[in-house]
Amino acid sequence: MTIPKLKRVKISSELDLRTWLAKNSELRQEVMIVTCNKSSPDKYVSSDQVRNVLGESGWAAGRRYTLDGNLVGHVVSPA
């Protein structure tokens, strides 16, 4: 499986994601939200949390990818 080459935005909390979404509300392209997996509990944001926050902001989560180390990439796009 090939990981798409998209702009990557690393977040470590729901607040980080909400802040990024607020600053980029006019963006009309896919990006990859990068989170840490459960092995980094202080920076862990679950897939459900990502989907919920995106839905509240009018964005949609697509495919998820395991990246290097403990990172997970979520392809997201404006709905």
N, C-alpha and C. Protein backbone atom coordinates (compact mmCIF):
# COMPACT_ATOMS: atom_id res chain seq x y z
N MET A 1 0.84 -1.17 0.00
CA MET A 1 0.00 0.00 0.00
C MET A 1 0.89 1.24 0.00
N THR A 2 0.64 2.15 -0.91
CA THR A 2 1.42 3.36 -1.03
C THR A 2 0.79 4.48 -0.21
N ILE A 3 1.59 5.13 0.59
CA ILE A 3 1.11 6.25 1.41
C ILE A 3 1.11 7.50 0.54
N PRO A 4 -0.02 8.21 0.49
CA PRO A 4 -0.08 9.41 -0.35
C PRO A 4 0.86 10.51 0.14
N LYS A 5 1.38 11.27 -0.80
CA LYS A 5 2.27 12.38 -0.47
C LYS A 5 1.41 13.63 -0.30
N LEU A 6 1.03 13.88 0.94
CA LEU A 6 0.20 15.03 1.28
C LEU A 6 0.92 15.89 2.31
N LYS A 7 0.48 17.14 2.44
CA LYS A 7 0.99 17.98 3.52
C LYS A 7 0.66 17.28 4.83
N ARG A 8 1.65 17.18 5.73
CA ARG A 8 1.45 16.52 7.01
C ARG A 8 1.36 17.55 8.13
N VAL A 9 0.36 17.35 8.98
CA VAL A 9 0.13 18.23 10.12
C VAL A 9 0.18 17.38 11.37
N LYS A 10 1.21 17.57 12.20
CA LYS A 10 1.35 16.75 13.41
C LYS A 10 0.60 17.41 14.56
N ILE A 11 -0.21 16.61 15.23
CA ILE A 11 -0.95 17.09 16.40
C ILE A 11 -0.68 16.15 17.57
N SER A 12 -0.81 16.69 18.78
CA SER A 12 -0.61 15.84 19.96
C SER A 12 -1.75 15.98 20.96
N SER A 13 -2.84 16.65 20.53
CA SER A 13 -4.02 16.77 21.39
C SER A 13 -5.22 17.19 20.53
N GLU A 14 -6.41 17.01 21.10
CA GLU A 14 -7.61 17.49 20.41
C GLU A 14 -7.52 19.00 20.22
N LEU A 15 -6.99 19.70 21.20
CA LEU A 15 -6.87 21.15 21.11
C LEU A 15 -5.99 21.54 19.92
N ASP A 16 -4.88 20.83 19.72
CA ASP A 16 -4.02 21.10 18.55
C ASP A 16 -4.82 20.97 17.26
N LEU A 17 -5.63 19.91 17.17
CA LEU A 17 -6.42 19.69 15.96
C LEU A 17 -7.46 20.79 15.79
N ARG A 18 -8.16 21.14 16.85
CA ARG A 18 -9.17 22.21 16.78
C ARG A 18 -8.53 23.54 16.36
N THR A 19 -7.37 23.83 16.91
CA THR A 19 -6.65 25.07 16.56
C THR A 19 -6.26 25.07 15.09
N TRP A 20 -5.71 23.96 14.62
CA TRP A 20 -5.32 23.88 13.21
C TRP A 20 -6.53 24.03 12.30
N LEU A 21 -7.62 23.36 12.63
CA LEU A 21 -8.83 23.45 11.81
C LEU A 21 -9.36 24.88 11.78
N ALA A 22 -9.34 25.58 12.91
CA ALA A 22 -9.82 26.96 12.95
C ALA A 22 -8.97 27.87 12.06
N LYS A 23 -7.66 27.65 12.08
CA LYS A 23 -6.75 28.47 11.27
C LYS A 23 -6.81 28.13 9.79
N ASN A 24 -7.28 26.94 9.46
CA ASN A 24 -7.27 26.48 8.07
C ASN A 24 -8.67 26.16 7.56
N SER A 25 -9.65 26.88 8.05
CA SER A 25 -11.05 26.60 7.69
C SER A 25 -11.34 26.82 6.20
N GLU A 26 -10.53 27.61 5.54
CA GLU A 26 -10.74 27.88 4.11
C GLU A 26 -9.99 26.90 3.20
N LEU A 27 -9.18 26.06 3.77
CA LEU A 27 -8.39 25.10 2.99
C LEU A 27 -9.32 24.13 2.27
N ARG A 28 -9.06 23.85 1.02
CA ARG A 28 -9.93 22.97 0.22
C ARG A 28 -9.15 21.82 -0.40
N GLN A 29 -8.22 21.25 0.35
CA GLN A 29 -7.45 20.12 -0.17
C GLN A 29 -7.24 19.10 0.93
N GLU A 30 -6.93 17.88 0.53
CA GLU A 30 -6.63 16.82 1.49
C GLU A 30 -5.30 17.10 2.17
N VAL A 31 -5.23 16.72 3.43
CA VAL A 31 -3.98 16.77 4.19
C VAL A 31 -3.91 15.49 5.01
N MET A 32 -2.75 15.25 5.59
CA MET A 32 -2.60 14.09 6.47
C MET A 32 -2.36 14.60 7.89
N ILE A 33 -3.31 14.29 8.77
CA ILE A 33 -3.15 14.61 10.18
C ILE A 33 -2.34 13.47 10.80
N VAL A 34 -1.24 13.81 11.45
CA VAL A 34 -0.34 12.81 12.01
C VAL A 34 -0.47 12.83 13.54
N THR A 35 -0.76 11.66 14.09
CA THR A 35 -0.89 11.51 15.53
C THR A 35 0.06 10.40 16.00
N CYS A 36 0.26 10.34 17.30
CA CYS A 36 1.03 9.24 17.89
C CYS A 36 0.07 8.11 18.25
N ASN A 37 0.60 6.89 18.27
CA ASN A 37 -0.25 5.76 18.68
C ASN A 37 -0.22 5.61 20.20
N LYS A 38 -0.85 4.56 20.70
CA LYS A 38 -1.00 4.37 22.15
C LYS A 38 0.32 4.21 22.89
N SER A 39 1.38 3.90 22.18
CA SER A 39 2.67 3.73 22.86
C SER A 39 3.24 5.07 23.36
N SER A 40 2.63 6.18 22.97
CA SER A 40 3.00 7.51 23.48
C SER A 40 1.77 8.15 24.13
N PRO A 41 1.41 7.69 25.34
CA PRO A 41 0.15 8.11 25.95
C PRO A 41 0.01 9.61 26.18
N ASP A 42 1.13 10.32 26.37
CA ASP A 42 1.05 11.76 26.60
C ASP A 42 0.72 12.55 25.33
N LYS A 43 0.89 11.92 24.16
CA LYS A 43 0.60 12.58 22.88
C LYS A 43 -0.46 11.85 22.07
N TYR A 44 -1.07 10.83 22.64
CA TYR A 44 -2.01 9.98 21.92
C TYR A 44 -3.35 10.68 21.69
N VAL A 45 -3.80 10.67 20.44
CA VAL A 45 -5.13 11.14 20.07
C VAL A 45 -5.74 9.99 19.28
N SER A 46 -6.86 9.47 19.74
CA SER A 46 -7.46 8.29 19.10
C SER A 46 -8.09 8.65 17.75
N SER A 47 -8.28 7.64 16.94
CA SER A 47 -8.95 7.82 15.64
C SER A 47 -10.36 8.35 15.84
N ASP A 48 -11.05 7.86 16.87
CA ASP A 48 -12.41 8.35 17.16
C ASP A 48 -12.39 9.83 17.50
N GLN A 49 -11.41 10.26 18.28
CA GLN A 49 -11.30 11.68 18.63
C GLN A 49 -11.07 12.51 17.37
N VAL A 50 -10.17 12.04 16.50
CA VAL A 50 -9.88 12.76 15.25
C VAL A 50 -11.15 12.86 14.42
N ARG A 51 -11.86 11.76 14.22
CA ARG A 51 -13.09 11.78 13.42
C ARG A 51 -14.15 12.70 14.01
N ASN A 52 -14.32 12.67 15.33
CA ASN A 52 -15.32 13.51 15.98
C ASN A 52 -15.03 15.00 15.80
N VAL A 53 -13.79 15.39 16.03
CA VAL A 53 -13.41 16.80 15.89
C VAL A 53 -13.54 17.23 14.42
N LEU A 54 -13.13 16.38 13.50
CA LEU A 54 -13.26 16.71 12.08
C LEU A 54 -14.72 16.90 11.71
N GLY A 55 -15.57 15.99 12.16
CA GLY A 55 -16.99 16.07 11.85
C GLY A 55 -17.61 17.36 12.36
N GLU A 56 -17.22 17.79 13.54
CA GLU A 56 -17.72 19.04 14.12
C GLU A 56 -17.32 20.25 13.29
N SER A 57 -16.21 20.13 12.56
CA SER A 57 -15.67 21.24 11.78
C SER A 57 -15.98 21.13 10.30
N GLY A 58 -16.79 20.14 9.92
CA GLY A 58 -17.15 20.00 8.51
C GLY A 58 -16.09 19.31 7.66
N TRP A 59 -15.22 18.55 8.29
CA TRP A 59 -14.19 17.79 7.58
C TRP A 59 -14.51 16.31 7.69
N ALA A 60 -13.93 15.52 6.83
CA ALA A 60 -14.15 14.07 6.84
C ALA A 60 -12.82 13.34 6.90
N ALA A 61 -12.80 12.26 7.66
CA ALA A 61 -11.60 11.42 7.75
C ALA A 61 -11.70 10.30 6.74
N GLY A 62 -10.60 10.05 6.07
CA GLY A 62 -10.54 8.96 5.11
C GLY A 62 -9.66 7.84 5.64
N ARG A 63 -8.84 7.33 4.78
CA ARG A 63 -7.97 6.20 5.11
C ARG A 63 -6.93 6.57 6.17
N ARG A 64 -6.52 5.57 6.93
CA ARG A 64 -5.52 5.74 7.98
C ARG A 64 -4.31 4.89 7.63
N TYR A 65 -3.12 5.40 7.91
CA TYR A 65 -1.87 4.71 7.59
C TYR A 65 -0.96 4.65 8.80
N THR A 66 -0.25 3.55 8.95
CA THR A 66 0.81 3.45 9.94
C THR A 66 2.06 4.03 9.30
N LEU A 67 2.64 5.03 9.96
CA LEU A 67 3.84 5.68 9.45
C LEU A 67 5.04 5.17 10.25
N ASP A 68 6.17 5.81 10.09
CA ASP A 68 7.38 5.41 10.81
C ASP A 68 7.21 5.53 12.31
N GLY A 69 7.85 4.62 13.02
CA GLY A 69 7.86 4.67 14.47
C GLY A 69 6.47 4.50 15.05
N ASN A 70 6.07 5.42 15.91
CA ASN A 70 4.80 5.33 16.58
C ASN A 70 3.75 6.28 15.99
N LEU A 71 3.92 6.66 14.73
CA LEU A 71 3.03 7.65 14.12
C LEU A 71 1.95 7.02 13.25
N VAL A 72 0.80 7.67 13.27
CA VAL A 72 -0.36 7.25 12.46
C VAL A 72 -0.78 8.46 11.64
N GLY A 73 -1.01 8.25 10.34
CA GLY A 73 -1.46 9.32 9.46
C GLY A 73 -2.92 9.14 9.08
N HIS A 74 -3.71 10.19 9.23
CA HIS A 74 -5.13 10.17 8.90
C HIS A 74 -5.33 11.11 7.71
N VAL A 75 -5.75 10.58 6.56
CA VAL A 75 -6.04 11.43 5.42
C VAL A 75 -7.39 12.09 5.67
N VAL A 76 -7.41 13.43 5.61
CA VAL A 76 -8.63 14.17 5.89
C VAL A 76 -8.89 15.17 4.77
N SER A 77 -10.16 15.50 4.60
CA SER A 77 -10.52 16.47 3.56
C SER A 77 -11.74 17.26 3.99
N PRO A 78 -11.86 18.47 3.45
CA PRO A 78 -13.08 19.23 3.76
C PRO A 78 -14.28 18.54 3.14
N ALA A 79 -15.36 18.48 3.89
CA ALA A 79 -16.56 17.78 3.39
C ALA A 79 -17.32 18.64 2.41
